[in-house]
N, C-alpha and C. Protein backbone atom coordinates (compact mmCIF):
# COMPACT_ATOMS: atom_id res chain seq x y z
N UNK A 1 -23.34 -3.87 0.17
CA UNK A 1 -21.89 -3.84 0.02
C UNK A 1 -21.29 -4.76 1.08
N UNK A 2 -20.29 -5.54 0.68
CA UNK A 2 -19.68 -6.49 1.61
C UNK A 2 -18.38 -5.98 2.23
N UNK A 3 -18.11 -4.69 2.09
CA UNK A 3 -16.93 -4.11 2.72
C UNK A 3 -17.24 -3.85 4.19
N UNK A 4 -16.71 -4.71 5.03
CA UNK A 4 -16.98 -4.60 6.46
C UNK A 4 -15.68 -4.76 7.23
N UNK A 5 -15.54 -4.09 8.36
CA UNK A 5 -14.34 -4.26 9.18
C UNK A 5 -14.08 -5.74 9.47
N UNK A 6 -12.82 -6.07 9.50
CA UNK A 6 -12.41 -7.45 9.75
C UNK A 6 -11.78 -8.11 8.55
N UNK A 7 -12.03 -7.58 7.34
CA UNK A 7 -11.38 -8.14 6.16
C UNK A 7 -9.88 -7.96 6.29
N UNK A 8 -9.12 -8.94 5.82
CA UNK A 8 -7.66 -8.83 5.94
C UNK A 8 -6.99 -9.39 4.69
N UNK A 9 -5.80 -8.89 4.45
CA UNK A 9 -5.02 -9.33 3.30
C UNK A 9 -3.55 -9.39 3.64
N UNK A 10 -2.81 -10.13 2.84
CA UNK A 10 -1.36 -10.27 3.02
C UNK A 10 -0.66 -10.11 1.69
N UNK A 11 0.58 -9.67 1.77
CA UNK A 11 1.45 -9.59 0.60
C UNK A 11 2.87 -9.80 1.09
N UNK A 12 3.70 -10.35 0.23
CA UNK A 12 5.09 -10.59 0.65
C UNK A 12 6.05 -10.32 -0.49
N UNK A 13 7.30 -10.15 -0.12
CA UNK A 13 8.37 -9.98 -1.09
C UNK A 13 9.67 -10.46 -0.48
N UNK A 14 10.61 -10.76 -1.35
CA UNK A 14 11.98 -11.04 -0.94
C UNK A 14 12.78 -9.78 -1.23
N UNK A 15 13.46 -9.27 -0.24
CA UNK A 15 14.24 -8.04 -0.43
C UNK A 15 15.33 -8.32 -1.47
N UNK A 16 15.36 -7.47 -2.49
CA UNK A 16 16.36 -7.56 -3.55
C UNK A 16 17.04 -6.21 -3.69
N UNK A 17 18.05 -6.16 -4.50
CA UNK A 17 18.75 -4.89 -4.72
C UNK A 17 17.78 -3.83 -5.24
N UNK A 18 16.79 -4.24 -6.05
CA UNK A 18 15.84 -3.31 -6.67
C UNK A 18 14.98 -2.57 -5.66
N UNK A 19 14.73 -3.16 -4.49
CA UNK A 19 13.85 -2.50 -3.52
C UNK A 19 14.59 -2.05 -2.27
N UNK A 20 15.89 -1.78 -2.43
CA UNK A 20 16.66 -1.24 -1.31
C UNK A 20 16.61 0.29 -1.31
N UNK A 21 16.89 0.84 -0.16
CA UNK A 21 16.94 2.30 -0.02
C UNK A 21 18.00 2.89 -0.95
N UNK A 22 19.10 2.19 -1.06
CA UNK A 22 20.21 2.65 -1.91
C UNK A 22 19.75 2.76 -3.37
N UNK A 23 19.07 1.75 -3.87
CA UNK A 23 18.64 1.72 -5.27
C UNK A 23 17.47 2.68 -5.53
N UNK A 24 16.56 2.79 -4.55
CA UNK A 24 15.37 3.64 -4.74
C UNK A 24 15.64 5.11 -4.43
N UNK A 25 16.80 5.41 -3.89
CA UNK A 25 17.15 6.79 -3.61
C UNK A 25 16.57 7.35 -2.33
N UNK A 26 16.09 6.47 -1.45
CA UNK A 26 15.51 6.96 -0.19
C UNK A 26 16.49 6.82 0.97
N UNK A 27 17.72 6.44 0.66
CA UNK A 27 18.76 6.29 1.67
C UNK A 27 20.01 5.76 1.01
N UNK A 28 21.01 5.48 1.81
CA UNK A 28 22.29 5.06 1.24
C UNK A 28 22.64 3.61 1.53
N UNK A 29 21.75 2.88 2.19
CA UNK A 29 22.08 1.51 2.60
C UNK A 29 21.32 0.47 1.78
N UNK A 30 21.91 -0.71 1.69
CA UNK A 30 21.31 -1.82 0.96
C UNK A 30 20.40 -2.63 1.88
N UNK A 31 19.33 -1.97 2.34
CA UNK A 31 18.28 -2.59 3.16
C UNK A 31 16.94 -2.21 2.55
N UNK A 32 15.87 -2.90 2.95
CA UNK A 32 14.55 -2.61 2.41
C UNK A 32 14.23 -1.13 2.56
N UNK A 33 13.85 -0.52 1.45
CA UNK A 33 13.49 0.90 1.43
C UNK A 33 12.10 1.11 2.01
N UNK A 34 11.94 2.20 2.72
CA UNK A 34 10.62 2.53 3.27
C UNK A 34 9.57 2.65 2.15
N UNK A 35 9.87 3.28 1.00
CA UNK A 35 8.85 3.33 -0.06
C UNK A 35 8.43 1.94 -0.53
N UNK A 36 9.35 0.99 -0.59
CA UNK A 36 9.01 -0.38 -0.99
C UNK A 36 8.15 -1.04 0.08
N UNK A 37 8.44 -0.76 1.33
CA UNK A 37 7.65 -1.29 2.44
C UNK A 37 6.23 -0.74 2.40
N UNK A 38 6.09 0.55 2.16
CA UNK A 38 4.77 1.17 2.05
C UNK A 38 3.98 0.54 0.90
N UNK A 39 4.63 0.35 -0.24
CA UNK A 39 3.95 -0.27 -1.39
C UNK A 39 3.47 -1.67 -1.04
N UNK A 40 4.26 -2.43 -0.31
CA UNK A 40 3.87 -3.77 0.09
C UNK A 40 2.66 -3.73 1.03
N UNK A 41 2.65 -2.79 1.95
CA UNK A 41 1.52 -2.65 2.86
C UNK A 41 0.26 -2.25 2.10
N UNK A 42 0.40 -1.37 1.12
CA UNK A 42 -0.75 -0.98 0.30
C UNK A 42 -1.26 -2.18 -0.50
N UNK A 43 -0.35 -3.01 -0.98
CA UNK A 43 -0.74 -4.20 -1.71
C UNK A 43 -1.56 -5.13 -0.81
N UNK A 44 -1.13 -5.30 0.43
CA UNK A 44 -1.89 -6.13 1.38
C UNK A 44 -3.29 -5.56 1.60
N UNK A 45 -3.39 -4.24 1.70
CA UNK A 45 -4.70 -3.59 1.89
C UNK A 45 -5.60 -3.81 0.68
N UNK A 46 -5.06 -3.67 -0.51
CA UNK A 46 -5.89 -3.86 -1.70
C UNK A 46 -6.32 -5.32 -1.84
N UNK A 47 -5.47 -6.25 -1.43
CA UNK A 47 -5.85 -7.66 -1.46
C UNK A 47 -6.98 -7.95 -0.47
N UNK A 48 -7.00 -7.25 0.64
CA UNK A 48 -8.03 -7.48 1.66
C UNK A 48 -9.42 -7.20 1.13
N UNK A 49 -9.54 -6.25 0.23
CA UNK A 49 -10.87 -5.80 -0.20
C UNK A 49 -11.20 -6.09 -1.66
N UNK A 50 -10.24 -6.60 -2.41
CA UNK A 50 -10.39 -6.76 -3.86
C UNK A 50 -11.68 -7.45 -4.27
N UNK A 51 -12.04 -8.51 -3.59
CA UNK A 51 -13.23 -9.29 -3.97
C UNK A 51 -14.52 -8.69 -3.42
N UNK A 52 -14.42 -7.61 -2.68
CA UNK A 52 -15.59 -7.04 -2.02
C UNK A 52 -16.00 -5.67 -2.57
N UNK A 53 -15.27 -5.19 -3.57
CA UNK A 53 -15.61 -3.88 -4.15
C UNK A 53 -16.78 -3.99 -5.11
N UNK A 54 -17.63 -3.00 -5.12
CA UNK A 54 -18.71 -2.98 -6.12
C UNK A 54 -18.10 -2.91 -7.53
N UNK A 55 -18.81 -3.44 -8.49
CA UNK A 55 -18.33 -3.45 -9.87
C UNK A 55 -18.04 -2.03 -10.35
N UNK A 56 -16.93 -1.86 -11.02
CA UNK A 56 -16.54 -0.56 -11.55
C UNK A 56 -15.80 0.32 -10.56
N UNK A 57 -15.69 -0.12 -9.33
CA UNK A 57 -15.01 0.66 -8.30
C UNK A 57 -13.58 0.13 -8.09
N UNK A 58 -12.72 1.01 -7.68
CA UNK A 58 -11.37 0.66 -7.26
C UNK A 58 -11.07 1.52 -6.05
N UNK A 59 -9.89 1.35 -5.48
CA UNK A 59 -9.49 2.21 -4.38
C UNK A 59 -8.16 2.85 -4.69
N UNK A 60 -7.96 4.01 -4.13
CA UNK A 60 -6.68 4.71 -4.24
C UNK A 60 -6.22 5.08 -2.84
N UNK A 61 -4.92 5.00 -2.64
CA UNK A 61 -4.37 5.36 -1.34
C UNK A 61 -4.39 6.86 -1.15
N UNK A 62 -4.77 7.30 0.06
CA UNK A 62 -4.80 8.74 0.34
C UNK A 62 -3.95 9.12 1.54
N UNK A 63 -3.59 8.13 2.36
CA UNK A 63 -2.77 8.45 3.53
C UNK A 63 -2.09 7.20 4.05
N UNK A 64 -0.83 7.37 4.43
CA UNK A 64 -0.06 6.29 5.05
C UNK A 64 0.68 6.89 6.23
N UNK A 65 0.56 6.25 7.38
CA UNK A 65 1.27 6.69 8.58
C UNK A 65 1.87 5.46 9.24
N UNK A 66 3.14 5.20 8.93
CA UNK A 66 3.77 4.01 9.48
C UNK A 66 5.03 4.35 10.25
N UNK A 67 5.40 3.45 11.10
CA UNK A 67 6.67 3.50 11.80
C UNK A 67 7.50 2.36 11.25
N UNK A 68 8.61 2.68 10.58
CA UNK A 68 9.54 1.66 10.06
C UNK A 68 10.52 1.40 11.20
N UNK A 69 10.35 0.26 11.85
CA UNK A 69 11.01 -0.01 13.13
C UNK A 69 12.37 -0.69 13.04
N UNK A 70 12.61 -1.45 11.98
CA UNK A 70 13.84 -2.24 11.91
C UNK A 70 14.24 -2.48 10.46
N UNK A 71 15.55 -2.60 10.21
CA UNK A 71 16.03 -2.85 8.85
C UNK A 71 15.89 -4.32 8.46
N UNK A 72 15.76 -4.54 7.16
CA UNK A 72 15.73 -5.90 6.62
C UNK A 72 16.72 -5.98 5.47
N UNK A 73 17.66 -6.93 5.52
CA UNK A 73 18.70 -7.03 4.49
C UNK A 73 18.21 -7.75 3.22
N UNK A 74 18.99 -7.61 2.17
CA UNK A 74 18.74 -8.32 0.91
C UNK A 74 18.68 -9.82 1.21
N UNK A 75 17.72 -10.48 0.56
CA UNK A 75 17.58 -11.92 0.68
C UNK A 75 16.53 -12.38 1.68
N UNK A 76 16.10 -11.50 2.55
CA UNK A 76 15.11 -11.87 3.56
C UNK A 76 13.70 -11.63 3.04
N UNK A 77 12.77 -12.47 3.46
CA UNK A 77 11.36 -12.29 3.10
C UNK A 77 10.68 -11.34 4.07
N UNK A 78 9.81 -10.50 3.52
CA UNK A 78 8.99 -9.58 4.32
C UNK A 78 7.53 -9.87 4.01
N UNK A 79 6.72 -10.00 5.05
CA UNK A 79 5.29 -10.21 4.89
C UNK A 79 4.56 -9.02 5.50
N UNK A 80 3.65 -8.46 4.72
CA UNK A 80 2.81 -7.36 5.20
C UNK A 80 1.39 -7.87 5.38
N UNK A 81 0.74 -7.35 6.41
CA UNK A 81 -0.65 -7.69 6.70
C UNK A 81 -1.45 -6.41 6.87
N UNK A 82 -2.65 -6.43 6.34
CA UNK A 82 -3.56 -5.28 6.48
C UNK A 82 -4.92 -5.79 6.94
N UNK A 83 -5.51 -5.05 7.87
CA UNK A 83 -6.85 -5.39 8.36
C UNK A 83 -7.73 -4.16 8.22
N UNK A 84 -8.86 -4.34 7.55
CA UNK A 84 -9.83 -3.25 7.42
C UNK A 84 -10.48 -3.04 8.78
N UNK A 85 -10.32 -1.84 9.32
CA UNK A 85 -10.86 -1.56 10.65
C UNK A 85 -11.99 -0.54 10.64
N UNK A 86 -12.19 0.13 9.52
CA UNK A 86 -13.26 1.11 9.46
C UNK A 86 -13.71 1.41 8.05
N UNK A 87 -15.00 1.61 7.88
CA UNK A 87 -15.58 2.01 6.60
C UNK A 87 -16.48 3.20 6.89
N UNK A 88 -16.10 4.36 6.34
CA UNK A 88 -16.89 5.59 6.50
C UNK A 88 -17.23 6.11 5.12
N UNK A 89 -18.37 5.71 4.60
CA UNK A 89 -18.73 6.09 3.25
C UNK A 89 -17.77 5.43 2.27
N UNK A 90 -17.07 6.25 1.51
CA UNK A 90 -16.11 5.73 0.53
C UNK A 90 -14.70 5.56 1.13
N UNK A 91 -14.52 6.03 2.34
CA UNK A 91 -13.19 6.02 2.98
C UNK A 91 -12.99 4.74 3.79
N UNK A 92 -11.83 4.10 3.57
CA UNK A 92 -11.50 2.83 4.22
C UNK A 92 -10.25 3.01 5.08
N UNK A 93 -10.31 2.50 6.30
CA UNK A 93 -9.20 2.61 7.25
C UNK A 93 -8.64 1.22 7.52
N UNK A 94 -7.32 1.10 7.45
CA UNK A 94 -6.64 -0.17 7.68
C UNK A 94 -5.59 -0.03 8.78
N UNK A 95 -5.43 -1.06 9.57
CA UNK A 95 -4.26 -1.23 10.42
C UNK A 95 -3.30 -2.10 9.61
N UNK A 96 -2.05 -1.69 9.53
CA UNK A 96 -1.06 -2.43 8.74
C UNK A 96 0.16 -2.75 9.59
N UNK A 97 0.79 -3.87 9.25
CA UNK A 97 2.05 -4.22 9.91
C UNK A 97 2.84 -5.10 8.96
N UNK A 98 4.14 -5.18 9.20
CA UNK A 98 5.00 -6.02 8.39
C UNK A 98 6.10 -6.59 9.27
N UNK A 99 6.53 -7.78 8.90
CA UNK A 99 7.61 -8.42 9.63
C UNK A 99 8.51 -9.17 8.67
N UNK A 100 9.75 -9.32 9.07
CA UNK A 100 10.65 -10.19 8.31
C UNK A 100 10.72 -11.51 9.05
N UNK A 101 11.70 -12.32 8.74
CA UNK A 101 11.77 -13.65 9.34
C UNK A 101 12.19 -13.63 10.81
N UNK A 102 12.55 -12.46 11.33
CA UNK A 102 13.01 -12.41 12.72
C UNK A 102 12.19 -11.49 13.62
N UNK A 103 11.55 -10.45 13.05
CA UNK A 103 10.88 -9.49 13.92
C UNK A 103 9.87 -8.63 13.18
N UNK A 104 9.04 -7.95 13.95
CA UNK A 104 8.14 -6.93 13.41
C UNK A 104 9.00 -5.77 12.93
N UNK A 105 8.81 -5.34 11.67
CA UNK A 105 9.65 -4.26 11.15
C UNK A 105 8.88 -2.96 10.92
N UNK A 106 7.55 -3.04 10.92
CA UNK A 106 6.76 -1.82 10.70
C UNK A 106 5.33 -2.04 11.16
N UNK A 107 4.69 -0.92 11.53
CA UNK A 107 3.26 -0.96 11.85
C UNK A 107 2.71 0.45 11.67
N UNK A 108 1.40 0.52 11.47
CA UNK A 108 0.79 1.83 11.31
C UNK A 108 -0.61 1.76 10.77
N UNK A 109 -1.00 2.85 10.09
CA UNK A 109 -2.33 3.00 9.54
C UNK A 109 -2.25 3.38 8.07
N UNK A 110 -3.27 2.98 7.34
CA UNK A 110 -3.35 3.30 5.92
C UNK A 110 -4.81 3.60 5.59
N UNK A 111 -5.02 4.63 4.79
CA UNK A 111 -6.37 5.01 4.36
C UNK A 111 -6.45 4.92 2.84
N UNK A 112 -7.56 4.41 2.37
CA UNK A 112 -7.85 4.36 0.95
C UNK A 112 -9.26 4.91 0.74
N UNK A 113 -9.55 5.34 -0.46
CA UNK A 113 -10.89 5.81 -0.77
C UNK A 113 -11.37 5.09 -2.04
N UNK A 114 -12.64 4.70 -2.03
CA UNK A 114 -13.24 4.06 -3.19
C UNK A 114 -13.60 5.11 -4.23
N UNK A 115 -13.27 4.81 -5.48
CA UNK A 115 -13.57 5.72 -6.58
C UNK A 115 -14.04 4.91 -7.78
N UNK A 116 -14.84 5.53 -8.67
CA UNK A 116 -15.18 4.87 -9.93
C UNK A 116 -13.92 4.81 -10.80
N UNK A 117 -13.49 3.61 -11.14
CA UNK A 117 -12.20 3.43 -11.83
C UNK A 117 -12.11 4.22 -13.13
N UNK A 118 -13.12 4.11 -13.98
CA UNK A 118 -13.05 4.74 -15.29
C UNK A 118 -13.00 6.26 -15.21
N UNK A 119 -13.88 6.86 -14.43
CA UNK A 119 -13.89 8.33 -14.37
C UNK A 119 -12.65 8.87 -13.65
N UNK A 120 -12.13 8.12 -12.69
CA UNK A 120 -10.91 8.55 -12.01
C UNK A 120 -9.74 8.58 -12.99
N UNK A 121 -9.63 7.54 -13.81
CA UNK A 121 -8.56 7.48 -14.80
C UNK A 121 -8.73 8.58 -15.84
N UNK A 122 -9.95 8.82 -16.26
CA UNK A 122 -10.20 9.90 -17.23
C UNK A 122 -9.80 11.25 -16.66
N UNK A 123 -10.10 11.46 -15.39
CA UNK A 123 -9.71 12.72 -14.73
C UNK A 123 -8.20 12.89 -14.74
N UNK A 124 -7.48 11.81 -14.46
CA UNK A 124 -6.02 11.87 -14.47
C UNK A 124 -5.50 12.17 -15.87
N UNK A 125 -6.11 11.54 -16.87
CA UNK A 125 -5.65 11.73 -18.25
C UNK A 125 -5.91 13.13 -18.78
N UNK A 126 -6.89 13.84 -18.23
CA UNK A 126 -7.13 15.21 -18.68
C UNK A 126 -5.95 16.11 -18.32
N UNK A 127 -5.16 15.71 -17.36
CA UNK A 127 -3.97 16.50 -17.03
C UNK A 127 -2.98 16.52 -18.17
N UNK A 128 -2.88 15.42 -18.93
CA UNK A 128 -2.01 15.40 -20.10
C UNK A 128 -2.47 16.42 -21.12
N UNK A 129 -3.78 16.48 -21.35
CA UNK A 129 -4.34 17.42 -22.32
C UNK A 129 -4.10 18.87 -21.88
N UNK A 130 -4.27 19.11 -20.58
CA UNK A 130 -4.04 20.47 -20.07
C UNK A 130 -2.58 20.86 -20.18
N UNK A 131 -1.67 19.91 -19.91
CA UNK A 131 -0.24 20.26 -19.95
C UNK A 131 0.23 20.46 -21.39
N UNK A 132 -0.41 19.79 -22.37
CA UNK A 132 -0.05 19.96 -23.77
C UNK A 132 -0.43 21.35 -24.25
N UNK A 133 -1.45 21.94 -23.65
CA UNK A 133 -1.90 23.27 -24.04
C UNK A 133 -1.04 24.39 -23.51
N UNK A 134 -0.14 24.08 -22.57
CA UNK A 134 0.72 25.11 -21.97
C UNK A 134 1.97 25.32 -22.77
């Protein structure tokens, strides 16, 4: 397996009305929403390892612990970076950070776990069948 600490990935976005706290319901201001920031950091983490996963495997996020340090207004670009810092079996640990064009806006940790894509999706879909029976 080629999943080793040191792999890194990046993802970016331009803050738009669609990813503001006001629009996403996570606050009342027209600035980058924390949920959108978390999604961007997760995207950077998945990019870091995408080419290194065994066939049939994917990863799912299981924990995010970030400090959202500064606001970013509509129109500004945000870049997130993730670095794989630990591999413990199927569990992957990342250091993540994000910045806009003027400053560091967030940093923290993110954990993902490797799972077989097909069986994981099947497990999720069985919930539909169970809920239909109620």
